[in-house]
Amino acid sequence: MKGMLMDMMSAMMPLMKPLVWLALLAFIAGVLLVLPKGTQWHKLSRLALWIVTGIGVFYIAAQFMGMLLGAQPSINFGDARKFEFYLVPFWMLGVAALAGAGILHLLQRRRGS
């Protein structure tokens, strides 16, 4: 069972960095969609809120599962070919995404969406 879970985690690793960029794009889109007054973009802004929240929860769950398997899951934002390693743990990415979701939620409540 542990071997199967490690194989699944290894198979997901190439998709983790694009997921970070998706969360960032969803956050930016959510902020841009909630800011203009008099538009009807609030439904898309709420979708962005749910995407960012889901990605944040996913990263925190992935950190927890990785720790249960005895790994230290993290993403390298450096260039491995140049031996640059800027490792960021999954939990930090999850907390950042949830903080972004909180900002989106506050903006939406203030706007009255």
N, C-alpha and C. Protein backbone atom coordinates (compact mmCIF):
# COMPACT_ATOMS: atom_id res chain seq x y z
N MET A 1 0.83 -1.20 0.00
CA MET A 1 0.00 0.00 0.00
C MET A 1 0.87 1.26 0.00
N LYS A 2 1.91 1.24 0.84
CA LYS A 2 2.78 2.41 0.92
C LYS A 2 3.51 2.63 -0.40
N GLY A 3 3.92 1.54 -1.04
CA GLY A 3 4.60 1.64 -2.33
C GLY A 3 3.69 2.22 -3.40
N MET A 4 2.42 1.83 -3.39
CA MET A 4 1.48 2.36 -4.36
C MET A 4 1.25 3.86 -4.15
N LEU A 5 1.15 4.27 -2.90
CA LEU A 5 0.97 5.69 -2.61
C LEU A 5 2.20 6.50 -2.99
N MET A 6 3.39 5.95 -2.78
CA MET A 6 4.61 6.65 -3.20
C MET A 6 4.68 6.76 -4.72
N ASP A 7 4.25 5.71 -5.43
CA ASP A 7 4.22 5.77 -6.89
C ASP A 7 3.23 6.83 -7.38
N MET A 8 2.08 6.93 -6.71
CA MET A 8 1.09 7.96 -7.08
C MET A 8 1.66 9.35 -6.83
N MET A 9 2.33 9.53 -5.72
CA MET A 9 2.90 10.83 -5.40
C MET A 9 3.99 11.20 -6.41
N SER A 10 4.81 10.23 -6.78
CA SER A 10 5.85 10.48 -7.78
C SER A 10 5.25 10.81 -9.14
N ALA A 11 4.15 10.18 -9.49
CA ALA A 11 3.50 10.45 -10.77
C ALA A 11 2.87 11.84 -10.80
N MET A 12 2.45 12.35 -9.65
CA MET A 12 1.81 13.66 -9.58
C MET A 12 2.81 14.81 -9.54
N MET A 13 4.05 14.55 -9.21
CA MET A 13 5.02 15.63 -9.02
C MET A 13 5.18 16.55 -10.22
N PRO A 14 5.20 16.06 -11.47
CA PRO A 14 5.34 17.01 -12.59
C PRO A 14 4.15 17.96 -12.73
N LEU A 15 3.01 17.61 -12.16
CA LEU A 15 1.82 18.45 -12.27
C LEU A 15 1.70 19.47 -11.14
N MET A 16 2.54 19.38 -10.14
CA MET A 16 2.40 20.24 -8.98
C MET A 16 2.79 21.69 -9.27
N LYS A 17 3.83 21.91 -10.05
CA LYS A 17 4.25 23.28 -10.34
C LYS A 17 3.22 24.00 -11.21
N PRO A 18 2.67 23.38 -12.27
CA PRO A 18 1.61 24.07 -13.02
C PRO A 18 0.37 24.37 -12.17
N LEU A 19 0.13 23.54 -11.16
CA LEU A 19 -1.01 23.79 -10.27
C LEU A 19 -0.79 25.07 -9.46
N VAL A 20 0.45 25.35 -9.10
CA VAL A 20 0.76 26.61 -8.40
C VAL A 20 0.45 27.79 -9.31
N TRP A 21 0.85 27.71 -10.58
CA TRP A 21 0.60 28.81 -11.51
C TRP A 21 -0.90 28.96 -11.77
N LEU A 22 -1.64 27.84 -11.80
CA LEU A 22 -3.09 27.92 -11.97
C LEU A 22 -3.74 28.64 -10.79
N ALA A 23 -3.29 28.35 -9.58
CA ALA A 23 -3.83 29.04 -8.40
C ALA A 23 -3.53 30.53 -8.47
N LEU A 24 -2.33 30.89 -8.89
CA LEU A 24 -1.97 32.30 -9.00
C LEU A 24 -2.82 33.00 -10.05
N LEU A 25 -3.00 32.36 -11.20
CA LEU A 25 -3.83 32.96 -12.25
C LEU A 25 -5.29 33.09 -11.82
N ALA A 26 -5.80 32.08 -11.11
CA ALA A 26 -7.18 32.15 -10.63
C ALA A 26 -7.33 33.27 -9.62
N PHE A 27 -6.34 33.45 -8.75
CA PHE A 27 -6.40 34.54 -7.77
C PHE A 27 -6.41 35.90 -8.47
N ILE A 28 -5.50 36.08 -9.43
CA ILE A 28 -5.43 37.36 -10.15
C ILE A 28 -6.72 37.61 -10.91
N ALA A 29 -7.24 36.57 -11.56
CA ALA A 29 -8.51 36.72 -12.29
C ALA A 29 -9.65 37.06 -11.34
N GLY A 30 -9.66 36.42 -10.17
CA GLY A 30 -10.71 36.71 -9.20
C GLY A 30 -10.67 38.14 -8.71
N VAL A 31 -9.47 38.66 -8.47
CA VAL A 31 -9.34 40.05 -8.03
C VAL A 31 -9.76 41.00 -9.15
N LEU A 32 -9.33 40.72 -10.37
CA LEU A 32 -9.68 41.60 -11.48
C LEU A 32 -11.17 41.56 -11.79
N LEU A 33 -11.81 40.43 -11.56
CA LEU A 33 -13.23 40.31 -11.86
C LEU A 33 -14.11 40.92 -10.77
N VAL A 34 -13.62 41.01 -9.54
CA VAL A 34 -14.45 41.54 -8.46
C VAL A 34 -14.28 43.06 -8.32
N LEU A 35 -13.19 43.61 -8.83
CA LEU A 35 -12.93 45.03 -8.62
C LEU A 35 -13.83 45.98 -9.42
N PRO A 36 -14.07 45.75 -10.73
CA PRO A 36 -14.87 46.75 -11.45
C PRO A 36 -16.31 46.80 -10.95
N LYS A 37 -16.79 48.02 -10.78
CA LYS A 37 -18.17 48.19 -10.31
C LYS A 37 -19.11 48.19 -11.50
N GLY A 38 -20.30 47.69 -11.27
CA GLY A 38 -21.32 47.70 -12.31
C GLY A 38 -21.22 46.56 -13.30
N THR A 39 -20.39 45.56 -13.02
CA THR A 39 -20.30 44.42 -13.94
C THR A 39 -20.92 43.20 -13.30
N GLN A 40 -21.15 42.21 -14.11
CA GLN A 40 -21.79 40.98 -13.63
C GLN A 40 -20.80 39.81 -13.63
N TRP A 41 -19.58 40.06 -13.25
CA TRP A 41 -18.55 39.04 -13.26
C TRP A 41 -18.43 38.32 -11.92
N HIS A 42 -19.36 38.54 -11.00
CA HIS A 42 -19.19 37.98 -9.66
C HIS A 42 -19.25 36.45 -9.66
N LYS A 43 -19.97 35.83 -10.61
CA LYS A 43 -20.02 34.36 -10.63
C LYS A 43 -18.66 33.78 -11.01
N LEU A 44 -17.98 34.40 -11.95
CA LEU A 44 -16.64 33.94 -12.31
C LEU A 44 -15.66 34.21 -11.18
N SER A 45 -15.86 35.30 -10.45
CA SER A 45 -15.00 35.58 -9.32
C SER A 45 -15.20 34.54 -8.22
N ARG A 46 -16.42 34.10 -8.03
CA ARG A 46 -16.66 33.03 -7.04
C ARG A 46 -16.05 31.71 -7.48
N LEU A 47 -16.10 31.44 -8.79
CA LEU A 47 -15.45 30.24 -9.31
C LEU A 47 -13.95 30.30 -9.03
N ALA A 48 -13.35 31.46 -9.25
CA ALA A 48 -11.92 31.63 -8.96
C ALA A 48 -11.65 31.40 -7.48
N LEU A 49 -12.54 31.87 -6.62
CA LEU A 49 -12.39 31.66 -5.18
C LEU A 49 -12.39 30.16 -4.86
N TRP A 50 -13.30 29.41 -5.45
CA TRP A 50 -13.37 27.97 -5.20
C TRP A 50 -12.15 27.24 -5.75
N ILE A 51 -11.64 27.69 -6.89
CA ILE A 51 -10.44 27.05 -7.46
C ILE A 51 -9.25 27.27 -6.54
N VAL A 52 -9.06 28.50 -6.09
CA VAL A 52 -7.92 28.79 -5.21
C VAL A 52 -8.06 28.05 -3.88
N THR A 53 -9.26 28.00 -3.34
CA THR A 53 -9.49 27.27 -2.09
C THR A 53 -9.21 25.79 -2.27
N GLY A 54 -9.70 25.21 -3.35
CA GLY A 54 -9.48 23.79 -3.60
C GLY A 54 -8.01 23.45 -3.75
N ILE A 55 -7.28 24.29 -4.45
CA ILE A 55 -5.85 24.04 -4.62
C ILE A 55 -5.12 24.16 -3.29
N GLY A 56 -5.51 25.13 -2.47
CA GLY A 56 -4.89 25.27 -1.15
C GLY A 56 -5.12 24.06 -0.27
N VAL A 57 -6.35 23.58 -0.25
CA VAL A 57 -6.67 22.39 0.55
C VAL A 57 -5.92 21.17 0.00
N PHE A 58 -5.84 21.06 -1.33
CA PHE A 58 -5.12 19.95 -1.95
C PHE A 58 -3.65 19.94 -1.53
N TYR A 59 -3.00 21.09 -1.53
CA TYR A 59 -1.58 21.13 -1.16
C TYR A 59 -1.37 20.79 0.31
N ILE A 60 -2.26 21.22 1.17
CA ILE A 60 -2.12 20.87 2.59
C ILE A 60 -2.34 19.37 2.78
N ALA A 61 -3.32 18.81 2.08
CA ALA A 61 -3.56 17.36 2.17
C ALA A 61 -2.37 16.58 1.59
N ALA A 62 -1.78 17.08 0.50
CA ALA A 62 -0.62 16.40 -0.08
C ALA A 62 0.57 16.44 0.87
N GLN A 63 0.74 17.54 1.58
CA GLN A 63 1.81 17.63 2.58
C GLN A 63 1.59 16.60 3.68
N PHE A 64 0.36 16.50 4.16
CA PHE A 64 0.04 15.56 5.22
C PHE A 64 0.29 14.12 4.76
N MET A 65 -0.17 13.78 3.56
CA MET A 65 0.02 12.42 3.06
C MET A 65 1.50 12.12 2.83
N GLY A 66 2.23 13.11 2.31
CA GLY A 66 3.66 12.90 2.11
C GLY A 66 4.40 12.67 3.42
N MET A 67 4.01 13.39 4.44
CA MET A 67 4.65 13.20 5.74
C MET A 67 4.30 11.83 6.32
N LEU A 68 3.06 11.36 6.08
CA LEU A 68 2.71 10.01 6.54
C LEU A 68 3.53 8.94 5.83
N LEU A 69 3.93 9.22 4.60
CA LEU A 69 4.74 8.26 3.84
C LEU A 69 6.22 8.40 4.14
N GLY A 70 6.60 9.37 4.96
CA GLY A 70 7.99 9.55 5.33
C GLY A 70 8.77 10.44 4.38
N ALA A 71 8.07 11.21 3.55
CA ALA A 71 8.74 12.11 2.61
C ALA A 71 8.59 13.54 3.08
N GLN A 72 9.38 14.42 2.52
CA GLN A 72 9.24 15.85 2.76
C GLN A 72 8.84 16.50 1.43
N PRO A 73 7.55 16.50 1.10
CA PRO A 73 7.13 17.00 -0.21
C PRO A 73 7.36 18.50 -0.35
N SER A 74 7.99 18.86 -1.46
CA SER A 74 8.27 20.26 -1.75
C SER A 74 8.44 20.42 -3.25
N ILE A 75 8.37 21.67 -3.70
CA ILE A 75 8.55 22.00 -5.11
C ILE A 75 9.82 22.82 -5.24
N ASN A 76 10.59 22.51 -6.26
CA ASN A 76 11.82 23.25 -6.53
C ASN A 76 11.48 24.36 -7.52
N PHE A 77 11.60 25.61 -7.08
CA PHE A 77 11.38 26.75 -7.96
C PHE A 77 12.68 27.27 -8.55
N GLY A 78 13.77 26.57 -8.32
CA GLY A 78 15.05 26.92 -8.91
C GLY A 78 15.26 26.14 -10.20
N ASP A 79 16.39 26.34 -10.82
CA ASP A 79 16.76 25.62 -12.03
C ASP A 79 17.68 24.47 -11.64
N ALA A 80 17.15 23.26 -11.72
CA ALA A 80 17.92 22.09 -11.29
C ALA A 80 19.12 21.85 -12.20
N ARG A 81 19.05 22.27 -13.45
CA ARG A 81 20.17 22.08 -14.36
C ARG A 81 21.36 22.92 -13.93
N LYS A 82 21.10 24.05 -13.26
CA LYS A 82 22.18 24.90 -12.77
C LYS A 82 22.47 24.64 -11.29
N PHE A 83 21.87 23.59 -10.75
CA PHE A 83 22.01 23.23 -9.35
C PHE A 83 21.51 24.33 -8.42
N GLU A 84 20.42 24.97 -8.83
CA GLU A 84 19.75 25.96 -7.97
C GLU A 84 18.53 25.27 -7.37
N PHE A 85 18.47 25.24 -6.07
CA PHE A 85 17.36 24.56 -5.41
C PHE A 85 16.69 25.52 -4.44
N TYR A 86 15.50 25.94 -4.79
CA TYR A 86 14.66 26.77 -3.92
C TYR A 86 13.44 25.94 -3.57
N LEU A 87 13.57 25.11 -2.57
CA LEU A 87 12.50 24.18 -2.21
C LEU A 87 11.47 24.87 -1.33
N VAL A 88 10.22 24.74 -1.73
CA VAL A 88 9.11 25.30 -0.97
C VAL A 88 8.19 24.14 -0.58
N PRO A 89 7.99 23.91 0.71
CA PRO A 89 7.10 22.82 1.14
C PRO A 89 5.66 23.04 0.68
N PHE A 90 4.97 21.94 0.49
CA PHE A 90 3.59 22.01 0.04
C PHE A 90 2.70 22.79 1.00
N TRP A 91 2.95 22.65 2.31
CA TRP A 91 2.06 23.32 3.25
C TRP A 91 2.13 24.83 3.08
N MET A 92 3.32 25.36 2.73
CA MET A 92 3.45 26.80 2.52
C MET A 92 2.64 27.25 1.31
N LEU A 93 2.67 26.45 0.26
CA LEU A 93 1.87 26.77 -0.92
C LEU A 93 0.38 26.71 -0.60
N GLY A 94 -0.02 25.72 0.20
CA GLY A 94 -1.42 25.60 0.59
C GLY A 94 -1.89 26.77 1.44
N VAL A 95 -1.06 27.19 2.38
CA VAL A 95 -1.41 28.33 3.23
C VAL A 95 -1.48 29.61 2.40
N ALA A 96 -0.55 29.77 1.45
CA ALA A 96 -0.58 30.95 0.59
C ALA A 96 -1.84 30.97 -0.26
N ALA A 97 -2.23 29.82 -0.79
CA ALA A 97 -3.45 29.76 -1.60
C ALA A 97 -4.68 30.05 -0.73
N LEU A 98 -4.72 29.52 0.47
CA LEU A 98 -5.86 29.78 1.35
C LEU A 98 -5.89 31.25 1.79
N ALA A 99 -4.73 31.86 1.97
CA ALA A 99 -4.70 33.29 2.28
C ALA A 99 -5.23 34.10 1.10
N GLY A 100 -4.85 33.71 -0.10
CA GLY A 100 -5.38 34.37 -1.30
C GLY A 100 -6.88 34.18 -1.42
N ALA A 101 -7.36 33.00 -1.07
CA ALA A 101 -8.81 32.76 -1.09
C ALA A 101 -9.50 33.63 -0.05
N GLY A 102 -8.87 33.82 1.10
CA GLY A 102 -9.44 34.70 2.11
C GLY A 102 -9.53 36.14 1.63
N ILE A 103 -8.49 36.59 0.94
CA ILE A 103 -8.51 37.95 0.38
C ILE A 103 -9.63 38.08 -0.64
N LEU A 104 -9.77 37.08 -1.52
CA LEU A 104 -10.86 37.11 -2.50
C LEU A 104 -12.23 37.14 -1.81
N HIS A 105 -12.36 36.34 -0.77
CA HIS A 105 -13.64 36.32 -0.03
C HIS A 105 -13.95 37.69 0.58
N LEU A 106 -12.94 38.30 1.18
CA LEU A 106 -13.16 39.63 1.77
C LEU A 106 -13.50 40.67 0.71
N LEU A 107 -12.84 40.61 -0.44
CA LEU A 107 -13.15 41.54 -1.52
C LEU A 107 -14.58 41.34 -2.03
N GLN A 108 -14.99 40.09 -2.12
CA GLN A 108 -16.34 39.80 -2.59
C GLN A 108 -17.39 40.27 -1.59
N ARG A 109 -17.12 40.07 -0.31
CA ARG A 109 -18.08 40.52 0.71
C ARG A 109 -18.16 42.04 0.75
N ARG A 110 -17.01 42.68 0.59
CA ARG A 110 -17.00 44.15 0.60
C ARG A 110 -17.73 44.71 -0.60
N ARG A 111 -17.59 44.02 -1.70
CA ARG A 111 -18.24 44.45 -2.95
C ARG A 111 -19.73 44.16 -2.91
N GLY A 112 -20.13 43.17 -2.13
CA GLY A 112 -21.54 42.83 -2.04
C GLY A 112 -21.97 41.80 -3.04
N SER A 113 -21.00 41.00 -3.55
CA SER A 113 -21.33 39.96 -4.53
C SER A 113 -21.95 38.78 -3.86
